[in-house]
Amino acid sequence: SFLTSNAARSYQESRHLWEPKLLEAFRIGFADGSLLTRLGRSPLKKDLRALGVLTGSGRELMGGCIVVPLLHDGQPVSLYGRHVEKPQHLYMPGPRHGLFNATGAKDASRLVLCESIFDALSLLLMGEPGAFPLWGTNGFTEDHAAFLRTWTGKDLVLCLDSDDAGKGAA
């Protein structure tokens, strides 16, 4: 389980993001690499390969990653993974779909667009309910645009990294 994984906890603590209630609220998990063993000879392997959870070679795509569900209308439509041992961000194959914290941000008077889910988690822990991540500096999707068309708040804040990519996107 995510909450008992030393690797996941150590990574989250190193980012100052170890807050079990917040992690549980967003259904954040950890892919410990045991999925294939747990599935055994299950016919679900074929479906998981079709979805991209398992690669064509049968490897667990997000093994070793903190895994976050991306939602549309409250339902998971994709996954984001952040590897705990290397600087790697993973998304499901194909176009990016789904949002993180759309439910919390929809009623926020201030929307804070940031680069990543982990940036948004940091902002949430600091009391910013309108934290709303893009998928990197070039990660603005139609799902983000649709959300913004319905958002009724007053202030839109860009909170991007101060590197060249963040400055260019701003």
N, C-alpha and C. Protein backbone atom coordinates (compact mmCIF):
# COMPACT_ATOMS: atom_id res chain seq x y z
N SER A 1 0.84 -1.18 0.00
CA SER A 1 0.00 0.00 0.00
C SER A 1 0.88 1.25 0.00
N PHE A 2 0.36 2.30 -0.58
CA PHE A 2 1.12 3.56 -0.69
C PHE A 2 1.54 4.07 0.68
N LEU A 3 0.63 4.07 1.61
CA LEU A 3 0.93 4.65 2.91
C LEU A 3 1.95 3.84 3.70
N THR A 4 2.19 2.59 3.30
CA THR A 4 3.18 1.77 4.01
C THR A 4 4.45 1.57 3.19
N SER A 5 4.54 2.12 1.99
CA SER A 5 5.72 1.97 1.15
C SER A 5 6.81 2.94 1.60
N ASN A 6 7.95 2.39 1.99
CA ASN A 6 9.07 3.23 2.41
C ASN A 6 9.57 4.11 1.27
N ALA A 7 9.63 3.55 0.05
CA ALA A 7 10.12 4.33 -1.10
C ALA A 7 9.20 5.51 -1.39
N ALA A 8 7.90 5.26 -1.38
CA ALA A 8 6.94 6.34 -1.65
C ALA A 8 6.97 7.38 -0.55
N ARG A 9 6.99 6.92 0.68
CA ARG A 9 7.00 7.86 1.80
C ARG A 9 8.28 8.70 1.80
N SER A 10 9.42 8.07 1.58
CA SER A 10 10.69 8.81 1.55
C SER A 10 10.67 9.87 0.47
N TYR A 11 10.16 9.52 -0.71
CA TYR A 11 10.10 10.49 -1.81
C TYR A 11 9.18 11.65 -1.44
N GLN A 12 8.00 11.33 -0.95
CA GLN A 12 7.06 12.39 -0.59
C GLN A 12 7.61 13.26 0.54
N GLU A 13 8.27 12.66 1.50
CA GLU A 13 8.87 13.44 2.58
C GLU A 13 9.98 14.35 2.05
N SER A 14 10.76 13.85 1.09
CA SER A 14 11.84 14.68 0.53
C SER A 14 11.27 15.90 -0.19
N ARG A 15 10.05 15.81 -0.67
CA ARG A 15 9.38 16.93 -1.34
C ARG A 15 8.50 17.71 -0.37
N HIS A 16 8.51 17.33 0.90
CA HIS A 16 7.67 17.95 1.94
C HIS A 16 6.18 17.81 1.59
N LEU A 17 5.83 16.66 1.05
CA LEU A 17 4.45 16.40 0.62
C LEU A 17 3.84 15.20 1.32
N TRP A 18 4.41 14.78 2.43
CA TRP A 18 3.84 13.63 3.12
C TRP A 18 2.71 14.10 4.02
N GLU A 19 1.51 14.01 3.52
CA GLU A 19 0.30 14.36 4.26
C GLU A 19 -0.75 13.31 3.89
N PRO A 20 -0.82 12.21 4.66
CA PRO A 20 -1.68 11.10 4.30
C PRO A 20 -3.13 11.47 3.98
N LYS A 21 -3.73 12.39 4.72
CA LYS A 21 -5.13 12.75 4.44
C LYS A 21 -5.28 13.38 3.06
N LEU A 22 -4.33 14.23 2.68
CA LEU A 22 -4.38 14.85 1.36
C LEU A 22 -4.15 13.79 0.27
N LEU A 23 -3.18 12.91 0.48
CA LEU A 23 -2.89 11.87 -0.49
C LEU A 23 -4.08 10.94 -0.66
N GLU A 24 -4.74 10.61 0.42
CA GLU A 24 -5.94 9.76 0.36
C GLU A 24 -7.08 10.49 -0.34
N ALA A 25 -7.25 11.77 -0.06
CA ALA A 25 -8.34 12.54 -0.67
C ALA A 25 -8.24 12.56 -2.19
N PHE A 26 -7.02 12.58 -2.71
CA PHE A 26 -6.83 12.61 -4.16
C PHE A 26 -6.58 11.22 -4.73
N ARG A 27 -6.73 10.20 -3.90
CA ARG A 27 -6.57 8.80 -4.31
C ARG A 27 -5.20 8.55 -4.95
N ILE A 28 -4.18 9.16 -4.37
CA ILE A 28 -2.82 9.01 -4.87
C ILE A 28 -2.26 7.69 -4.37
N GLY A 29 -1.62 6.97 -5.26
CA GLY A 29 -1.11 5.65 -4.91
C GLY A 29 0.35 5.49 -5.30
N PHE A 30 0.84 4.28 -5.14
CA PHE A 30 2.21 3.94 -5.50
C PHE A 30 2.20 2.62 -6.23
N ALA A 31 2.80 2.61 -7.42
CA ALA A 31 2.93 1.36 -8.20
C ALA A 31 4.23 0.70 -7.78
N ASP A 32 4.11 -0.30 -6.93
CA ASP A 32 5.30 -0.93 -6.34
C ASP A 32 5.90 -2.02 -7.22
N GLY A 33 5.35 -2.21 -8.42
CA GLY A 33 5.89 -3.22 -9.33
C GLY A 33 5.28 -4.60 -9.14
N SER A 34 4.29 -4.72 -8.28
CA SER A 34 3.71 -6.04 -7.99
C SER A 34 2.47 -6.36 -8.82
N LEU A 35 2.08 -5.48 -9.73
CA LEU A 35 0.84 -5.68 -10.48
C LEU A 35 0.84 -6.99 -11.26
N LEU A 36 1.91 -7.29 -11.96
CA LEU A 36 1.94 -8.52 -12.76
C LEU A 36 1.80 -9.76 -11.88
N THR A 37 2.46 -9.75 -10.73
CA THR A 37 2.36 -10.88 -9.80
C THR A 37 0.93 -10.99 -9.27
N ARG A 38 0.34 -9.87 -8.93
CA ARG A 38 -1.03 -9.89 -8.40
C ARG A 38 -2.04 -10.37 -9.44
N LEU A 39 -1.80 -10.03 -10.70
CA LEU A 39 -2.73 -10.44 -11.75
C LEU A 39 -2.62 -11.91 -12.09
N GLY A 40 -1.42 -12.47 -11.90
CA GLY A 40 -1.23 -13.87 -12.24
C GLY A 40 -1.58 -14.13 -13.70
N ARG A 41 -2.47 -15.07 -13.94
CA ARG A 41 -2.88 -15.42 -15.30
C ARG A 41 -4.21 -14.76 -15.68
N SER A 42 -4.57 -13.73 -14.98
CA SER A 42 -5.85 -13.06 -15.19
C SER A 42 -6.02 -12.55 -16.63
N PRO A 43 -7.22 -12.68 -17.17
CA PRO A 43 -7.49 -12.11 -18.49
C PRO A 43 -7.47 -10.58 -18.50
N LEU A 44 -7.45 -9.96 -17.32
CA LEU A 44 -7.36 -8.50 -17.24
C LEU A 44 -6.07 -7.96 -17.84
N LYS A 45 -5.04 -8.79 -17.92
CA LYS A 45 -3.77 -8.33 -18.48
C LYS A 45 -3.97 -7.77 -19.90
N LYS A 46 -4.81 -8.43 -20.67
CA LYS A 46 -5.07 -7.98 -22.04
C LYS A 46 -5.70 -6.58 -22.03
N ASP A 47 -6.67 -6.37 -21.15
CA ASP A 47 -7.33 -5.07 -21.05
C ASP A 47 -6.36 -4.00 -20.56
N LEU A 48 -5.53 -4.34 -19.58
CA LEU A 48 -4.56 -3.37 -19.06
C LEU A 48 -3.50 -3.03 -20.10
N ARG A 49 -3.16 -3.98 -20.95
CA ARG A 49 -2.22 -3.70 -22.04
C ARG A 49 -2.88 -2.76 -23.05
N ALA A 50 -4.16 -2.98 -23.34
CA ALA A 50 -4.88 -2.11 -24.27
C ALA A 50 -4.99 -0.69 -23.74
N LEU A 51 -5.14 -0.53 -22.43
CA LEU A 51 -5.22 0.79 -21.82
C LEU A 51 -3.86 1.48 -21.71
N GLY A 52 -2.79 0.69 -21.75
CA GLY A 52 -1.45 1.25 -21.60
C GLY A 52 -0.89 1.12 -20.20
N VAL A 53 -1.65 0.54 -19.27
CA VAL A 53 -1.14 0.33 -17.92
C VAL A 53 0.02 -0.66 -17.96
N LEU A 54 -0.11 -1.66 -18.83
CA LEU A 54 0.99 -2.58 -19.12
C LEU A 54 1.51 -2.24 -20.51
N THR A 55 2.81 -2.26 -20.68
CA THR A 55 3.40 -1.96 -21.99
C THR A 55 3.21 -3.15 -22.92
N GLY A 56 3.55 -2.95 -24.18
CA GLY A 56 3.46 -4.04 -25.16
C GLY A 56 4.29 -5.24 -24.76
N SER A 57 5.40 -5.00 -24.06
CA SER A 57 6.24 -6.11 -23.60
C SER A 57 5.75 -6.70 -22.29
N GLY A 58 4.66 -6.16 -21.76
CA GLY A 58 4.08 -6.69 -20.53
C GLY A 58 4.61 -6.08 -19.25
N ARG A 59 5.43 -5.05 -19.35
CA ARG A 59 5.99 -4.38 -18.18
C ARG A 59 4.96 -3.39 -17.62
N GLU A 60 4.98 -3.20 -16.31
CA GLU A 60 4.10 -2.24 -15.66
C GLU A 60 4.61 -0.83 -15.98
N LEU A 61 3.85 -0.04 -16.74
CA LEU A 61 4.29 1.27 -17.22
C LEU A 61 4.76 2.17 -16.08
N MET A 62 4.01 2.22 -15.00
CA MET A 62 4.31 3.16 -13.93
C MET A 62 4.93 2.51 -12.71
N GLY A 63 5.56 1.38 -12.88
CA GLY A 63 6.24 0.72 -11.76
C GLY A 63 7.28 1.65 -11.16
N GLY A 64 7.28 1.78 -9.84
CA GLY A 64 8.21 2.66 -9.15
C GLY A 64 7.77 4.11 -9.10
N CYS A 65 6.50 4.35 -9.43
CA CYS A 65 5.99 5.72 -9.49
C CYS A 65 4.90 5.99 -8.46
N ILE A 66 4.88 7.23 -7.96
CA ILE A 66 3.70 7.76 -7.30
C ILE A 66 2.69 7.92 -8.43
N VAL A 67 1.47 7.43 -8.26
CA VAL A 67 0.48 7.45 -9.33
C VAL A 67 -0.73 8.27 -8.90
N VAL A 68 -1.14 9.19 -9.78
CA VAL A 68 -2.23 10.10 -9.50
C VAL A 68 -3.30 9.94 -10.58
N PRO A 69 -4.54 9.69 -10.19
CA PRO A 69 -5.59 9.63 -11.20
C PRO A 69 -5.94 11.02 -11.72
N LEU A 70 -6.14 11.11 -13.02
CA LEU A 70 -6.58 12.34 -13.66
C LEU A 70 -8.05 12.16 -13.98
N LEU A 71 -8.86 13.15 -13.61
CA LEU A 71 -10.31 12.98 -13.63
C LEU A 71 -11.00 13.85 -14.67
N HIS A 72 -12.15 13.37 -15.10
CA HIS A 72 -13.09 14.14 -15.90
C HIS A 72 -14.47 13.88 -15.31
N ASP A 73 -15.15 14.93 -14.90
CA ASP A 73 -16.45 14.79 -14.23
C ASP A 73 -16.38 13.81 -13.06
N GLY A 74 -15.28 13.89 -12.31
CA GLY A 74 -15.13 13.08 -11.11
C GLY A 74 -14.72 11.64 -11.35
N GLN A 75 -14.55 11.24 -12.60
CA GLN A 75 -14.19 9.86 -12.92
C GLN A 75 -12.77 9.79 -13.49
N PRO A 76 -12.00 8.77 -13.10
CA PRO A 76 -10.64 8.63 -13.65
C PRO A 76 -10.68 8.37 -15.15
N VAL A 77 -9.88 9.15 -15.90
CA VAL A 77 -9.79 8.94 -17.34
C VAL A 77 -8.35 8.70 -17.78
N SER A 78 -7.39 8.95 -16.88
CA SER A 78 -5.99 8.74 -17.20
C SER A 78 -5.20 8.70 -15.90
N LEU A 79 -3.90 8.51 -16.04
CA LEU A 79 -3.01 8.45 -14.88
C LEU A 79 -1.76 9.26 -15.15
N TYR A 80 -1.21 9.82 -14.08
CA TYR A 80 0.09 10.49 -14.10
C TYR A 80 0.98 9.75 -13.12
N GLY A 81 2.23 9.54 -13.50
CA GLY A 81 3.18 8.90 -12.61
C GLY A 81 4.45 9.71 -12.46
N ARG A 82 4.97 9.76 -11.24
CA ARG A 82 6.23 10.44 -10.95
C ARG A 82 7.14 9.42 -10.30
N HIS A 83 8.21 9.06 -11.01
CA HIS A 83 9.12 8.03 -10.53
C HIS A 83 9.82 8.51 -9.26
N VAL A 84 10.00 7.60 -8.30
CA VAL A 84 10.59 7.99 -7.02
C VAL A 84 12.12 7.88 -7.02
N GLU A 85 12.69 7.22 -8.03
CA GLU A 85 14.15 7.03 -8.04
C GLU A 85 14.85 7.78 -9.15
N LYS A 86 14.13 8.31 -10.10
CA LYS A 86 14.75 9.07 -11.19
C LYS A 86 13.82 10.20 -11.60
N PRO A 87 14.36 11.24 -12.21
CA PRO A 87 13.53 12.40 -12.58
C PRO A 87 12.68 12.10 -13.82
N GLN A 88 11.64 11.34 -13.63
CA GLN A 88 10.82 10.90 -14.76
C GLN A 88 9.34 11.13 -14.47
N HIS A 89 8.68 11.77 -15.42
CA HIS A 89 7.23 11.97 -15.37
C HIS A 89 6.62 11.05 -16.42
N LEU A 90 5.59 10.33 -16.06
CA LEU A 90 4.95 9.41 -17.00
C LEU A 90 3.47 9.71 -17.12
N TYR A 91 2.98 9.62 -18.33
CA TYR A 91 1.56 9.75 -18.61
C TYR A 91 1.14 8.52 -19.39
N MET A 92 -0.14 8.26 -19.43
CA MET A 92 -0.66 7.16 -20.23
C MET A 92 -0.41 7.48 -21.70
N PRO A 93 -0.30 6.46 -22.54
CA PRO A 93 -0.10 6.70 -23.97
C PRO A 93 -1.27 7.49 -24.58
N GLY A 94 -0.95 8.23 -25.62
CA GLY A 94 -1.99 8.98 -26.33
C GLY A 94 -2.13 10.39 -25.82
N PRO A 95 -3.13 11.10 -26.33
CA PRO A 95 -3.35 12.49 -25.90
C PRO A 95 -3.64 12.55 -24.40
N ARG A 96 -3.23 13.63 -23.78
CA ARG A 96 -3.45 13.78 -22.35
C ARG A 96 -4.89 14.22 -22.08
N HIS A 97 -5.50 13.52 -21.16
CA HIS A 97 -6.88 13.82 -20.77
C HIS A 97 -6.97 13.84 -19.25
N GLY A 98 -7.96 14.55 -18.77
CA GLY A 98 -8.23 14.59 -17.34
C GLY A 98 -7.53 15.76 -16.66
N LEU A 99 -8.00 16.03 -15.44
CA LEU A 99 -7.49 17.16 -14.67
C LEU A 99 -7.23 16.72 -13.24
N PHE A 100 -6.47 17.52 -12.54
CA PHE A 100 -6.21 17.31 -11.12
C PHE A 100 -6.74 18.52 -10.37
N ASN A 101 -7.51 18.29 -9.34
CA ASN A 101 -8.08 19.29 -8.45
C ASN A 101 -9.12 20.19 -9.12
N ALA A 102 -9.77 19.71 -10.15
CA ALA A 102 -10.82 20.51 -10.79
C ALA A 102 -11.98 20.74 -9.83
N THR A 103 -12.31 19.75 -9.02
CA THR A 103 -13.41 19.88 -8.07
C THR A 103 -13.11 20.97 -7.04
N GLY A 104 -11.91 20.97 -6.49
CA GLY A 104 -11.54 21.98 -5.50
C GLY A 104 -11.36 23.35 -6.10
N ALA A 105 -10.86 23.40 -7.33
CA ALA A 105 -10.57 24.69 -7.97
C ALA A 105 -11.80 25.36 -8.55
N LYS A 106 -12.85 24.59 -8.84
CA LYS A 106 -14.00 25.17 -9.55
C LYS A 106 -14.67 26.29 -8.76
N ASP A 107 -14.66 26.23 -7.44
CA ASP A 107 -15.30 27.26 -6.62
C ASP A 107 -14.30 28.26 -6.02
N ALA A 108 -13.03 28.11 -6.36
CA ALA A 108 -12.01 29.00 -5.81
C ALA A 108 -12.11 30.36 -6.48
N SER A 109 -11.99 31.41 -5.69
CA SER A 109 -12.02 32.76 -6.27
C SER A 109 -10.70 33.06 -6.98
N ARG A 110 -9.63 32.36 -6.58
CA ARG A 110 -8.33 32.53 -7.23
C ARG A 110 -7.87 31.18 -7.77
N LEU A 111 -7.53 31.15 -9.05
CA LEU A 111 -7.00 29.95 -9.68
C LEU A 111 -5.50 30.15 -9.87
N VAL A 112 -4.72 29.19 -9.37
CA VAL A 112 -3.27 29.29 -9.47
C VAL A 112 -2.79 28.19 -10.41
N LEU A 113 -2.46 28.58 -11.64
CA LEU A 113 -1.95 27.63 -12.62
C LEU A 113 -0.48 27.37 -12.34
N CYS A 114 -0.16 26.09 -12.15
CA CYS A 114 1.22 25.71 -11.88
C CYS A 114 1.62 24.61 -12.86
N GLU A 115 2.88 24.22 -12.84
CA GLU A 115 3.38 23.28 -13.84
C GLU A 115 3.03 21.82 -13.57
N SER A 116 2.97 21.41 -12.32
CA SER A 116 2.83 19.97 -12.07
C SER A 116 1.89 19.67 -10.91
N ILE A 117 1.50 18.43 -10.84
CA ILE A 117 0.66 17.96 -9.75
C ILE A 117 1.36 18.17 -8.42
N PHE A 118 2.66 17.94 -8.38
CA PHE A 118 3.38 18.09 -7.11
C PHE A 118 3.47 19.55 -6.71
N ASP A 119 3.55 20.45 -7.70
CA ASP A 119 3.46 21.88 -7.38
C ASP A 119 2.09 22.19 -6.79
N ALA A 120 1.04 21.62 -7.40
CA ALA A 120 -0.32 21.85 -6.90
C ALA A 120 -0.48 21.29 -5.49
N LEU A 121 0.07 20.12 -5.22
CA LEU A 121 -0.01 19.56 -3.87
C LEU A 121 0.67 20.49 -2.86
N SER A 122 1.81 21.05 -3.22
CA SER A 122 2.50 22.00 -2.34
C SER A 122 1.60 23.19 -2.05
N LEU A 123 0.98 23.73 -3.09
CA LEU A 123 0.10 24.88 -2.92
C LEU A 123 -1.12 24.53 -2.07
N LEU A 124 -1.67 23.35 -2.29
CA LEU A 124 -2.82 22.90 -1.49
C LEU A 124 -2.44 22.82 -0.01
N LEU A 125 -1.26 22.29 0.27
CA LEU A 125 -0.81 22.18 1.66
C LEU A 125 -0.59 23.55 2.29
N MET A 126 -0.34 24.56 1.46
CA MET A 126 -0.16 25.93 1.97
C MET A 126 -1.49 26.67 2.03
N GLY A 127 -2.60 25.96 1.76
CA GLY A 127 -3.92 26.57 1.89
C GLY A 127 -4.45 27.24 0.64
N GLU A 128 -3.96 26.84 -0.52
CA GLU A 128 -4.40 27.43 -1.79
C GLU A 128 -5.33 26.46 -2.51
N PRO A 129 -6.67 26.56 -2.28
CA PRO A 129 -7.60 25.58 -2.86
C PRO A 129 -7.70 25.64 -4.38
N GLY A 130 -7.29 26.76 -4.99
CA GLY A 130 -7.37 26.91 -6.43
C GLY A 130 -6.13 26.44 -7.17
N ALA A 131 -5.28 25.64 -6.53
CA ALA A 131 -4.09 25.12 -7.20
C ALA A 131 -4.54 24.20 -8.34
N PHE A 132 -4.03 24.48 -9.53
CA PHE A 132 -4.52 23.79 -10.73
C PHE A 132 -3.36 23.55 -11.68
N PRO A 133 -2.89 22.31 -11.78
CA PRO A 133 -1.69 22.07 -12.59
C PRO A 133 -1.96 21.91 -14.08
N LEU A 134 -0.99 22.40 -14.83
CA LEU A 134 -0.87 22.09 -16.25
C LEU A 134 0.00 20.83 -16.31
N TRP A 135 0.19 20.30 -17.45
CA TRP A 135 1.08 19.13 -17.58
C TRP A 135 2.40 19.62 -18.16
N GLY A 136 3.12 20.43 -17.39
CA GLY A 136 4.36 21.05 -17.85
C GLY A 136 4.06 22.37 -18.53
N THR A 137 5.09 23.04 -18.97
CA THR A 137 4.91 24.36 -19.57
C THR A 137 4.21 24.31 -20.92
N ASN A 138 4.23 23.17 -21.58
CA ASN A 138 3.53 23.02 -22.86
C ASN A 138 2.33 22.08 -22.73
N GLY A 139 1.82 21.94 -21.50
CA GLY A 139 0.81 20.94 -21.24
C GLY A 139 -0.61 21.44 -21.12
N PHE A 140 -0.91 22.61 -21.64
CA PHE A 140 -2.27 23.12 -21.60
C PHE A 140 -3.10 22.33 -22.61
N THR A 141 -4.17 21.68 -22.14
CA THR A 141 -4.99 20.83 -23.00
C THR A 141 -6.39 21.41 -23.18
N GLU A 142 -7.16 20.78 -24.03
CA GLU A 142 -8.55 21.18 -24.22
C GLU A 142 -9.33 21.00 -22.91
N ASP A 143 -8.96 20.02 -22.10
CA ASP A 143 -9.61 19.84 -20.80
C ASP A 143 -9.40 21.07 -19.91
N HIS A 144 -8.18 21.63 -19.94
CA HIS A 144 -7.90 22.86 -19.18
C HIS A 144 -8.74 24.01 -19.72
N ALA A 145 -8.78 24.14 -21.04
CA ALA A 145 -9.55 25.22 -21.67
C ALA A 145 -11.03 25.12 -21.31
N ALA A 146 -11.57 23.90 -21.35
CA ALA A 146 -12.99 23.71 -21.02
C ALA A 146 -13.25 24.09 -19.56
N PHE A 147 -12.34 23.73 -18.68
CA PHE A 147 -12.48 24.11 -17.27
C PHE A 147 -12.50 25.63 -17.13
N LEU A 148 -11.56 26.30 -17.78
CA LEU A 148 -11.47 27.76 -17.67
C LEU A 148 -12.72 28.46 -18.20
N ARG A 149 -13.35 27.88 -19.21
CA ARG A 149 -14.58 28.48 -19.75
C ARG A 149 -15.71 28.45 -18.73
N THR A 150 -15.67 27.53 -17.78
CA THR A 150 -16.75 27.42 -16.79
C THR A 150 -16.38 27.99 -15.43
N TRP A 151 -15.10 28.26 -15.21
CA TRP A 151 -14.64 28.78 -13.92
C TRP A 151 -15.16 30.20 -13.74
N THR A 152 -15.68 30.50 -12.57
CA THR A 152 -16.30 31.81 -12.32
C THR A 152 -15.53 32.68 -11.33
N GLY A 153 -14.31 32.29 -11.00
CA GLY A 153 -13.52 33.07 -10.05
C GLY A 153 -13.08 34.40 -10.62
N LYS A 154 -12.29 35.11 -9.82
CA LYS A 154 -11.90 36.47 -10.19
C LYS A 154 -10.44 36.61 -10.55
N ASP A 155 -9.56 35.88 -9.90
CA ASP A 155 -8.12 36.07 -10.10
C ASP A 155 -7.48 34.82 -10.69
N LEU A 156 -6.69 35.01 -11.71
CA LEU A 156 -5.93 33.93 -12.33
C LEU A 156 -4.45 34.25 -12.14
N VAL A 157 -3.73 33.34 -11.47
CA VAL A 157 -2.32 33.55 -11.15
C VAL A 157 -1.50 32.47 -11.85
N LEU A 158 -0.40 32.87 -12.49
CA LEU A 158 0.55 31.92 -13.05
C LEU A 158 1.65 31.69 -12.03
N CYS A 159 1.88 30.45 -11.70
CA CYS A 159 2.92 30.09 -10.73
C CYS A 159 3.81 29.04 -11.40
N LEU A 160 4.64 29.51 -12.33
CA LEU A 160 5.50 28.62 -13.11
C LEU A 160 6.93 28.76 -12.64
N ASP A 161 7.74 27.76 -12.94
CA ASP A 161 9.16 27.81 -12.55
C ASP A 161 9.83 29.02 -13.18
N SER A 162 10.90 29.49 -12.55
CA SER A 162 11.61 30.66 -13.07
C SER A 162 12.71 30.27 -14.06
N ASP A 163 12.65 29.04 -14.58
CA ASP A 163 13.61 28.64 -15.60
C ASP A 163 13.14 29.17 -16.96
N ASP A 164 13.93 28.93 -18.02
CA ASP A 164 13.58 29.45 -19.34
C ASP A 164 12.23 28.94 -19.82
N ALA A 165 11.93 27.66 -19.57
CA ALA A 165 10.66 27.10 -20.01
C ALA A 165 9.49 27.78 -19.30
N GLY A 166 9.60 27.96 -18.00
CA GLY A 166 8.54 28.61 -17.23
C GLY A 166 8.34 30.05 -17.64
N LYS A 167 9.45 30.77 -17.86
CA LYS A 167 9.35 32.16 -18.30
C LYS A 167 8.73 32.25 -19.68
N GLY A 168 9.11 31.35 -20.56
CA GLY A 168 8.55 31.36 -21.92
C GLY A 168 7.06 31.05 -21.93
N ALA A 169 6.64 30.10 -21.11
CA ALA A 169 5.21 29.75 -21.03
C ALA A 169 4.40 30.88 -20.43
N ALA A 170 4.97 31.56 -19.43
CA ALA A 170 4.25 32.67 -18.81
C ALA A 170 3.99 33.77 -19.82
